[in-house]
Amino acid sequence: MRNFHDEQGREWTATAREEATPRHHGRWYLAFHTAADAGQLLPLPEIRWQTADSAARTLQTMSEFELLRRLESARLRQGVDPVTRGA
């Protein structure tokens, strides 16, 4: 799990969620939520990991630029207003 801020100053959490599936590979996927509301997930199920440890390691080493790029993709997909890039 990793917290970061969007360009409007809102705090977000990037996390890995486990999918309930019988397969052992690719069970963990990327999801975002605001720091204030963990119940409102914005999933990116195409970003997957084998284990919770590999997901945590990847999230800790991802650049903030990459997190923001992925967040914007998740927001657009879910019909949430995309992050407005500053003036």
PDB file of N, CA and C in Angstrom:
ATOM      1  N   MET A   1       0.844  -1.160   0.000  1.00  0.00           N
ATOM      2  CA  MET A   1       0.000   0.000   0.000  1.00  0.00           C
ATOM      3  C   MET A   1       0.900   1.237   0.000  1.00  0.00           C
ATOM      4  N   ARG A   2       0.469   2.256  -0.779  1.00  0.00           N
ATOM      5  CA  ARG A   2       1.267   3.479  -0.849  1.00  0.00           C
ATOM      6  C   ARG A   2       0.349   4.678  -1.032  1.00  0.00           C
ATOM      7  N   ASN A   3       0.582   5.705  -0.227  1.00  0.00           N
ATOM      8  CA  ASN A   3      -0.183   6.941  -0.333  1.00  0.00           C
ATOM      9  C   ASN A   3       0.575   7.949  -1.176  1.00  0.00           C
ATOM     10  N   PHE A   4      -0.188   8.759  -1.914  1.00  0.00           N
ATOM     11  CA  PHE A   4       0.384   9.825  -2.730  1.00  0.00           C
ATOM     12  C   PHE A   4      -0.710  10.860  -2.952  1.00  0.00           C
ATOM     13  N   HIS A   5      -0.341  12.015  -3.494  1.00  0.00           N
ATOM     14  CA  HIS A   5      -1.292  13.103  -3.737  1.00  0.00           C
ATOM     15  C   HIS A   5      -1.419  13.372  -5.226  1.00  0.00           C
ATOM     16  N   ASP A   6      -2.658  13.661  -5.647  1.00  0.00           N
ATOM     17  CA  ASP A   6      -2.848  14.036  -7.045  1.00  0.00           C
ATOM     18  C   ASP A   6      -2.506  15.519  -7.204  1.00  0.00           C
ATOM     19  N   GLU A   7      -2.650  16.006  -8.418  1.00  0.00           N
ATOM     20  CA  GLU A   7      -2.257  17.382  -8.711  1.00  0.00           C
ATOM     21  C   GLU A   7      -3.165  18.413  -8.067  1.00  0.00           C
ATOM     22  N   GLN A   8      -4.294  17.982  -7.527  1.00  0.00           N
ATOM     23  CA  GLN A   8      -5.198  18.881  -6.819  1.00  0.00           C
ATOM     24  C   GLN A   8      -5.048  18.751  -5.301  1.00  0.00           C
ATOM     25  N   GLY A   9      -4.060  17.985  -4.868  1.00  0.00           N
ATOM     26  CA  GLY A   9      -3.775  17.855  -3.445  1.00  0.00           C
ATOM     27  C   GLY A   9      -4.552  16.787  -2.708  1.00  0.00           C
ATOM     28  N   ARG A  10      -5.400  16.029  -3.412  1.00  0.00           N
ATOM     29  CA  ARG A  10      -6.152  14.962  -2.754  1.00  0.00           C
ATOM     30  C   ARG A  10      -5.234  13.768  -2.513  1.00  0.00           C
ATOM     31  N   GLU A  11      -5.393  13.178  -1.333  1.00  0.00           N
ATOM     32  CA  GLU A  11      -4.572  12.018  -0.994  1.00  0.00           C
ATOM     33  C   GLU A  11      -5.249  10.738  -1.475  1.00  0.00           C
ATOM     34  N   TRP A  12      -4.451   9.886  -2.140  1.00  0.00           N
ATOM     35  CA  TRP A  12      -4.906   8.607  -2.673  1.00  0.00           C
ATOM     36  C   TRP A  12      -4.049   7.485  -2.112  1.00  0.00           C
ATOM     37  N   THR A  13      -4.605   6.298  -2.146  1.00  0.00           N
ATOM     38  CA  THR A  13      -3.878   5.093  -1.764  1.00  0.00           C
ATOM     39  C   THR A  13      -3.869   4.132  -2.938  1.00  0.00           C
ATOM     40  N   ALA A  14      -2.682   3.690  -3.313  1.00  0.00           N
ATOM     41  CA  ALA A  14      -2.524   2.628  -4.306  1.00  0.00           C
ATOM     42  C   ALA A  14      -2.336   1.345  -3.508  1.00  0.00           C
ATOM     43  N   THR A  15      -3.092   0.328  -3.842  1.00  0.00           N
ATOM     44  CA  THR A  15      -3.054  -0.907  -3.083  1.00  0.00           C
ATOM     45  C   THR A  15      -3.215  -2.104  -4.011  1.00  0.00           C
ATOM     46  N   ALA A  16      -2.953  -3.270  -3.492  1.00  0.00           N
ATOM     47  CA  ALA A  16      -3.181  -4.509  -4.227  1.00  0.00           C
ATOM     48  C   ALA A  16      -4.325  -5.250  -3.550  1.00  0.00           C
ATOM     49  N   ARG A  17      -5.259  -5.703  -4.353  1.00  0.00           N
ATOM     50  CA  ARG A  17      -6.391  -6.481  -3.860  1.00  0.00           C
ATOM     51  C   ARG A  17      -6.293  -7.894  -4.391  1.00  0.00           C
ATOM     52  N   GLU A  18      -6.724  -8.833  -3.586  1.00  0.00           N
ATOM     53  CA  GLU A  18      -6.686 -10.232  -4.008  1.00  0.00           C
ATOM     54  C   GLU A  18      -8.020 -10.620  -4.622  1.00  0.00           C
ATOM     55  N   GLU A  19      -7.953 -11.179  -5.812  1.00  0.00           N
ATOM     56  CA  GLU A  19      -9.145 -11.670  -6.486  1.00  0.00           C
ATOM     57  C   GLU A  19      -9.438 -13.090  -6.008  1.00  0.00           C
ATOM     58  N   ALA A  20     -10.682 -13.350  -5.717  1.00  0.00           N
ATOM     59  CA  ALA A  20     -11.089 -14.703  -5.323  1.00  0.00           C
ATOM     60  C   ALA A  20     -11.156 -15.554  -6.585  1.00  0.00           C
ATOM     61  N   THR A  21     -10.129 -16.357  -6.794  1.00  0.00           N
ATOM     62  CA  THR A  21     -10.034 -17.184  -7.999  1.00  0.00           C
ATOM     63  C   THR A  21      -9.285 -18.466  -7.664  1.00  0.00           C
ATOM     64  N   PRO A  22      -9.580 -19.552  -8.346  1.00  0.00           N
ATOM     65  CA  PRO A  22      -8.871 -20.802  -8.071  1.00  0.00           C
ATOM     66  C   PRO A  22      -7.436 -20.818  -8.609  1.00  0.00           C
ATOM     67  N   ARG A  23      -7.108 -19.930  -9.537  1.00  0.00           N
ATOM     68  CA  ARG A  23      -5.746 -19.933 -10.078  1.00  0.00           C
ATOM     69  C   ARG A  23      -4.779 -19.352  -9.042  1.00  0.00           C
ATOM     70  N   HIS A  24      -3.545 -19.777  -9.107  1.00  0.00           N
ATOM     71  CA  HIS A  24      -2.559 -19.307  -8.130  1.00  0.00           C
ATOM     72  C   HIS A  24      -1.743 -18.133  -8.649  1.00  0.00           C
ATOM     73  N   HIS A  25      -1.736 -17.914  -9.950  1.00  0.00           N
ATOM     74  CA  HIS A  25      -0.937 -16.823 -10.514  1.00  0.00           C
ATOM     75  C   HIS A  25      -1.828 -15.621 -10.840  1.00  0.00           C
ATOM     76  N   GLY A  26      -1.283 -14.435 -10.682  1.00  0.00           N
ATOM     77  CA  GLY A  26      -2.004 -13.225 -11.024  1.00  0.00           C
ATOM     78  C   GLY A  26      -3.236 -12.957 -10.185  1.00  0.00           C
ATOM     79  N   ARG A  27      -3.194 -13.366  -8.938  1.00  0.00           N
ATOM     80  CA  ARG A  27      -4.352 -13.179  -8.058  1.00  0.00           C
ATOM     81  C   ARG A  27      -4.486 -11.753  -7.555  1.00  0.00           C
ATOM     82  N   TRP A  28      -3.382 -11.029  -7.497  1.00  0.00           N
ATOM     83  CA  TRP A  28      -3.364  -9.681  -6.924  1.00  0.00           C
ATOM     84  C   TRP A  28      -3.418  -8.641  -8.040  1.00  0.00           C
ATOM     85  N   TYR A  29      -4.256  -7.623  -7.878  1.00  0.00           N
ATOM     86  CA  TYR A  29      -4.393  -6.586  -8.900  1.00  0.00           C
ATOM     87  C   TYR A  29      -4.351  -5.196  -8.262  1.00  0.00           C
ATOM     88  N   LEU A  30      -4.025  -4.205  -9.080  1.00  0.00           N
ATOM     89  CA  LEU A  30      -3.891  -2.824  -8.630  1.00  0.00           C
ATOM     90  C   LEU A  30      -5.255  -2.171  -8.465  1.00  0.00           C
ATOM     91  N   ALA A  31      -5.405  -1.415  -7.387  1.00  0.00           N
ATOM     92  CA  ALA A  31      -6.625  -0.641  -7.156  1.00  0.00           C
ATOM     93  C   ALA A  31      -6.249   0.647  -6.422  1.00  0.00           C
ATOM     94  N   PHE A  32      -7.060   1.656  -6.620  1.00  0.00           N
ATOM     95  CA  PHE A  32      -6.867   2.950  -5.955  1.00  0.00           C
ATOM     96  C   PHE A  32      -8.115   3.287  -5.160  1.00  0.00           C
ATOM     97  N   HIS A  33      -7.933   4.075  -4.116  1.00  0.00           N
ATOM     98  CA  HIS A  33      -9.050   4.683  -3.401  1.00  0.00           C
ATOM     99  C   HIS A  33      -8.536   5.948  -2.739  1.00  0.00           C
ATOM    100  N   THR A  34      -9.455   6.867  -2.447  1.00  0.00           N
ATOM    101  CA  THR A  34      -9.022   8.054  -1.723  1.00  0.00           C
ATOM    102  C   THR A  34      -8.639   7.617  -0.316  1.00  0.00           C
ATOM    103  N   ALA A  35      -7.748   8.360   0.295  1.00  0.00           N
ATOM    104  CA  ALA A  35      -7.319   8.004   1.646  1.00  0.00           C
ATOM    105  C   ALA A  35      -8.496   8.064   2.617  1.00  0.00           C
ATOM    106  N   ALA A  36      -9.491   8.885   2.298  1.00  0.00           N
ATOM    107  CA  ALA A  36     -10.639   9.056   3.189  1.00  0.00           C
ATOM    108  C   ALA A  36     -11.716   7.986   3.005  1.00  0.00           C
ATOM    109  N   ASP A  37     -11.715   7.260   1.879  1.00  0.00           N
ATOM    110  CA  ASP A  37     -12.799   6.317   1.593  1.00  0.00           C
ATOM    111  C   ASP A  37     -12.265   5.045   0.938  1.00  0.00           C
ATOM    112  N   ALA A  38     -11.852   4.097   1.759  1.00  0.00           N
ATOM    113  CA  ALA A  38     -11.305   2.834   1.255  1.00  0.00           C
ATOM    114  C   ALA A  38     -12.364   1.966   0.598  1.00  0.00           C
ATOM    115  N   GLY A  39     -13.629   2.274   0.787  1.00  0.00           N
ATOM    116  CA  GLY A  39     -14.700   1.474   0.215  1.00  0.00           C
ATOM    117  C   GLY A  39     -14.997   1.790  -1.241  1.00  0.00           C
ATOM    118  N   GLN A  40     -14.517   2.910  -1.735  1.00  0.00           N
ATOM    119  CA  GLN A  40     -14.780   3.349  -3.107  1.00  0.00           C
ATOM    120  C   GLN A  40     -13.566   3.030  -3.975  1.00  0.00           C
ATOM    121  N   LEU A  41     -13.464   1.791  -4.445  1.00  0.00           N
ATOM    122  CA  LEU A  41     -12.295   1.337  -5.204  1.00  0.00           C
ATOM    123  C   LEU A  41     -12.372   1.692  -6.674  1.00  0.00           C
ATOM    124  N   LEU A  42     -11.216   2.038  -7.226  1.00  0.00           N
ATOM    125  CA  LEU A  42     -11.036   2.216  -8.658  1.00  0.00           C
ATOM    126  C   LEU A  42     -10.031   1.146  -9.097  1.00  0.00           C
ATOM    127  N   PRO A  43     -10.506   0.004  -9.569  1.00  0.00           N
ATOM    128  CA  PRO A  43      -9.599  -1.100  -9.908  1.00  0.00           C
ATOM    129  C   PRO A  43      -8.959  -0.959 -11.285  1.00  0.00           C
ATOM    130  N   LEU A  44      -7.773  -1.507 -11.419  1.00  0.00           N
ATOM    131  CA  LEU A  44      -7.096  -1.684 -12.708  1.00  0.00           C
ATOM    132  C   LEU A  44      -6.714  -3.167 -12.784  1.00  0.00           C
ATOM    133  N   PRO A  45      -7.659  -4.025 -13.120  1.00  0.00           N
ATOM    134  CA  PRO A  45      -7.419  -5.469 -13.046  1.00  0.00           C
ATOM    135  C   PRO A  45      -6.394  -6.011 -14.032  1.00  0.00           C
ATOM    136  N   GLU A  46      -5.986  -5.221 -15.010  1.00  0.00           N
ATOM    137  CA  GLU A  46      -4.965  -5.721 -15.939  1.00  0.00           C
ATOM    138  C   GLU A  46      -3.551  -5.621 -15.358  1.00  0.00           C
ATOM    139  N   ILE A  47      -3.386  -4.876 -14.269  1.00  0.00           N
ATOM    140  CA  ILE A  47      -2.095  -4.790 -13.578  1.00  0.00           C
ATOM    141  C   ILE A  47      -2.132  -5.829 -12.463  1.00  0.00           C
ATOM    142  N   ARG A  48      -1.359  -6.917 -12.623  1.00  0.00           N
ATOM    143  CA  ARG A  48      -1.454  -8.063 -11.705  1.00  0.00           C
ATOM    144  C   ARG A  48      -0.088  -8.509 -11.209  1.00  0.00           C
ATOM    145  N   TRP A  49      -0.144  -9.172 -10.040  1.00  0.00           N
ATOM    146  CA  TRP A  49       1.062  -9.740  -9.440  1.00  0.00           C
ATOM    147  C   TRP A  49       0.771 -11.149  -8.947  1.00  0.00           C
ATOM    148  N   GLN A  50       1.847 -11.921  -8.822  1.00  0.00           N
ATOM    149  CA  GLN A  50       1.754 -13.293  -8.315  1.00  0.00           C
ATOM    150  C   GLN A  50       1.459 -13.327  -6.819  1.00  0.00           C
ATOM    151  N   THR A  51       2.114 -12.433  -6.063  1.00  0.00           N
ATOM    152  CA  THR A  51       2.016 -12.472  -4.604  1.00  0.00           C
ATOM    153  C   THR A  51       1.787 -11.072  -4.037  1.00  0.00           C
ATOM    154  N   ALA A  52       1.333 -11.029  -2.801  1.00  0.00           N
ATOM    155  CA  ALA A  52       1.161  -9.750  -2.112  1.00  0.00           C
ATOM    156  C   ALA A  52       2.508  -9.064  -1.920  1.00  0.00           C
ATOM    157  N   ASP A  53       3.555  -9.844  -1.677  1.00  0.00           N
ATOM    158  CA  ASP A  53       4.892  -9.267  -1.499  1.00  0.00           C
ATOM    159  C   ASP A  53       5.390  -8.587  -2.766  1.00  0.00           C
ATOM    160  N   SER A  54       5.193  -9.226  -3.914  1.00  0.00           N
ATOM    161  CA  SER A  54       5.652  -8.604  -5.163  1.00  0.00           C
ATOM    162  C   SER A  54       4.823  -7.361  -5.480  1.00  0.00           C
ATOM    163  N   ALA A  55       3.549  -7.373  -5.146  1.00  0.00           N
ATOM    164  CA  ALA A  55       2.708  -6.188  -5.339  1.00  0.00           C
ATOM    165  C   ALA A  55       3.198  -5.040  -4.461  1.00  0.00           C
ATOM    166  N   ALA A  56       3.456  -5.332  -3.193  1.00  0.00           N
ATOM    167  CA  ALA A  56       3.924  -4.293  -2.264  1.00  0.00           C
ATOM    168  C   ALA A  56       5.262  -3.722  -2.712  1.00  0.00           C
ATOM    169  N   ARG A  57       6.154  -4.575  -3.136  1.00  0.00           N
ATOM    170  CA  ARG A  57       7.478  -4.138  -3.607  1.00  0.00           C
ATOM    171  C   ARG A  57       7.340  -3.230  -4.837  1.00  0.00           C
ATOM    172  N   THR A  58       6.484  -3.615  -5.762  1.00  0.00           N
ATOM    173  CA  THR A  58       6.276  -2.813  -6.966  1.00  0.00           C
ATOM    174  C   THR A  58       5.670  -1.462  -6.628  1.00  0.00           C
ATOM    175  N   LEU A  59       4.664  -1.452  -5.773  1.00  0.00           N
ATOM    176  CA  LEU A  59       4.027  -0.186  -5.406  1.00  0.00           C
ATOM    177  C   LEU A  59       5.010   0.753  -4.715  1.00  0.00           C
ATOM    178  N   GLN A  60       5.894   0.213  -3.885  1.00  0.00           N
ATOM    179  CA  GLN A  60       6.863   1.054  -3.190  1.00  0.00           C
ATOM    180  C   GLN A  60       7.907   1.645  -4.133  1.00  0.00           C
ATOM    181  N   THR A  61       8.167   0.983  -5.254  1.00  0.00           N
ATOM    182  CA  THR A  61       9.200   1.469  -6.170  1.00  0.00           C
ATOM    183  C   THR A  61       8.630   2.214  -7.377  1.00  0.00           C
ATOM    184  N   MET A  62       7.315   2.247  -7.526  1.00  0.00           N
ATOM    185  CA  MET A  62       6.694   2.978  -8.636  1.00  0.00           C
ATOM    186  C   MET A  62       6.910   4.476  -8.456  1.00  0.00           C
ATOM    187  N   SER A  63       7.160   5.162  -9.550  1.00  0.00           N
ATOM    188  CA  SER A  63       7.309   6.619  -9.476  1.00  0.00           C
ATOM    189  C   SER A  63       5.936   7.249  -9.236  1.00  0.00           C
ATOM    190  N   GLU A  64       5.941   8.442  -8.680  1.00  0.00           N
ATOM    191  CA  GLU A  64       4.686   9.146  -8.470  1.00  0.00           C
ATOM    192  C   GLU A  64       4.024   9.463  -9.818  1.00  0.00           C
ATOM    193  N   PHE A  65       4.824   9.759 -10.821  1.00  0.00           N
ATOM    194  CA  PHE A  65       4.294  10.004 -12.162  1.00  0.00           C
ATOM    195  C   PHE A  65       3.510   8.788 -12.654  1.00  0.00           C
ATOM    196  N   GLU A  66       4.071   7.605 -12.467  1.00  0.00           N
ATOM    197  CA  GLU A  66       3.404   6.376 -12.909  1.00  0.00           C
ATOM    198  C   GLU A  66       2.127   6.133 -12.115  1.00  0.00           C
ATOM    199  N   LEU A  67       2.158   6.369 -10.812  1.00  0.00           N
ATOM    200  CA  LEU A  67       0.951   6.219 -10.004  1.00  0.00           C
ATOM    201  C   LEU A  67      -0.143   7.165 -10.488  1.00  0.00           C
ATOM    202  N   LEU A  68       0.215   8.410 -10.770  1.00  0.00           N
ATOM    203  CA  LEU A  68      -0.772   9.381 -11.261  1.00  0.00           C
ATOM    204  C   LEU A  68      -1.324   8.981 -12.621  1.00  0.00           C
ATOM    205  N   ARG A  69      -0.468   8.466 -13.482  1.00  0.00           N
ATOM    206  CA  ARG A  69      -0.897   8.021 -14.808  1.00  0.00           C
ATOM    207  C   ARG A  69      -1.892   6.866 -14.688  1.00  0.00           C
ATOM    208  N   ARG A  70      -1.578   5.912 -13.832  1.00  0.00           N
ATOM    209  CA  ARG A  70      -2.476   4.767 -13.626  1.00  0.00           C
ATOM    210  C   ARG A  70      -3.783   5.203 -12.955  1.00  0.00           C
ATOM    211  N   LEU A  71      -3.693   6.129 -12.009  1.00  0.00           N
ATOM    212  CA  LEU A  71      -4.896   6.647 -11.345  1.00  0.00           C
ATOM    213  C   LEU A  71      -5.812   7.320 -12.359  1.00  0.00           C
ATOM    214  N   GLU A  72      -5.247   8.125 -13.227  1.00  0.00           N
ATOM    215  CA  GLU A  72      -6.063   8.806 -14.234  1.00  0.00           C
ATOM    216  C   GLU A  72      -6.765   7.786 -15.137  1.00  0.00           C
ATOM    217  N   SER A  73      -6.063   6.743 -15.505  1.00  0.00           N
ATOM    218  CA  SER A  73      -6.664   5.686 -16.317  1.00  0.00           C
ATOM    219  C   SER A  73      -7.833   5.024 -15.578  1.00  0.00           C
ATOM    220  N   ALA A  74      -7.641   4.725 -14.305  1.00  0.00           N
ATOM    221  CA  ALA A  74      -8.699   4.100 -13.507  1.00  0.00           C
ATOM    222  C   ALA A  74      -9.896   5.033 -13.358  1.00  0.00           C
ATOM    223  N   ARG A  75      -9.635   6.310 -13.159  1.00  0.00           N
ATOM    224  CA  ARG A  75     -10.730   7.290 -13.011  1.00  0.00           C
ATOM    225  C   ARG A  75     -11.529   7.403 -14.296  1.00  0.00           C
ATOM    226  N   LEU A  76     -10.859   7.483 -15.429  1.00  0.00           N
ATOM    227  CA  LEU A  76     -11.560   7.569 -16.714  1.00  0.00           C
ATOM    228  C   LEU A  76     -12.407   6.327 -16.962  1.00  0.00           C
ATOM    229  N   ARG A  77     -11.858   5.186 -16.655  1.00  0.00           N
ATOM    230  CA  ARG A  77     -12.561   3.916 -16.866  1.00  0.00           C
ATOM    231  C   ARG A  77     -13.823   3.821 -16.024  1.00  0.00           C
ATOM    232  N   GLN A  78     -13.777   4.351 -14.823  1.00  0.00           N
ATOM    233  CA  GLN A  78     -14.914   4.281 -13.913  1.00  0.00           C
ATOM    234  C   GLN A  78     -15.890   5.449 -14.077  1.00  0.00           C
ATOM    235  N   GLY A  79     -15.575   6.366 -15.004  1.00  0.00           N
ATOM    236  CA  GLY A  79     -16.470   7.505 -15.224  1.00  0.00           C
ATOM    237  C   GLY A  79     -16.311   8.607 -14.198  1.00  0.00           C
ATOM    238  N   VAL A  80     -15.205   8.591 -13.474  1.00  0.00           N
ATOM    239  CA  VAL A  80     -14.906   9.634 -12.490  1.00  0.00           C
ATOM    240  C   VAL A  80     -14.119  10.708 -13.215  1.00  0.00           C
ATOM    241  N   ASP A  81     -14.356  11.963 -12.864  1.00  0.00           N
ATOM    242  CA  ASP A  81     -13.622  13.051 -13.521  1.00  0.00           C
ATOM    243  C   ASP A  81     -12.136  12.815 -13.432  1.00  0.00           C
ATOM    244  N   PRO A  82     -11.437  12.935 -14.559  1.00  0.00           N
ATOM    245  CA  PRO A  82      -9.984  12.766 -14.523  1.00  0.00           C
ATOM    246  C   PRO A  82      -9.317  13.909 -13.779  1.00  0.00           C
ATOM    247  N   VAL A  83      -8.098  13.691 -13.363  1.00  0.00           N
ATOM    248  CA  VAL A  83      -7.334  14.731 -12.686  1.00  0.00           C
ATOM    249  C   VAL A  83      -7.091  15.854 -13.682  1.00  0.00           C
ATOM    250  N   THR A  84      -7.393  17.080 -13.281  1.00  0.00           N
ATOM    251  CA  THR A  84      -7.159  18.224 -14.143  1.00  0.00           C
ATOM    252  C   THR A  84      -5.734  18.673 -13.981  1.00  0.00           C
ATOM    253  N   ARG A  85      -5.006  18.658 -15.057  1.00  0.00           N
ATOM    254  CA  ARG A  85      -3.604  19.077 -15.001  1.00  0.00           C
ATOM    255  C   ARG A  85      -3.539  20.577 -14.804  1.00  0.00           C
ATOM    256  N   GLY A  86      -2.669  21.002 -13.879  1.00  0.00           N
ATOM    257  CA  GLY A  86      -2.584  22.397 -13.443  1.00  0.00           C
ATOM    258  C   GLY A  86      -2.242  23.388 -14.529  1.00  0.00           C
ATOM    259  N   ALA A  87      -2.565  24.634 -14.245  1.00  0.00           N
ATOM    260  CA  ALA A  87      -2.298  25.729 -15.191  1.00  0.00           C
ATOM    261  C   ALA A  87      -0.906  26.271 -14.986  1.00  0.00           C
TER     262      ALA A  87
END
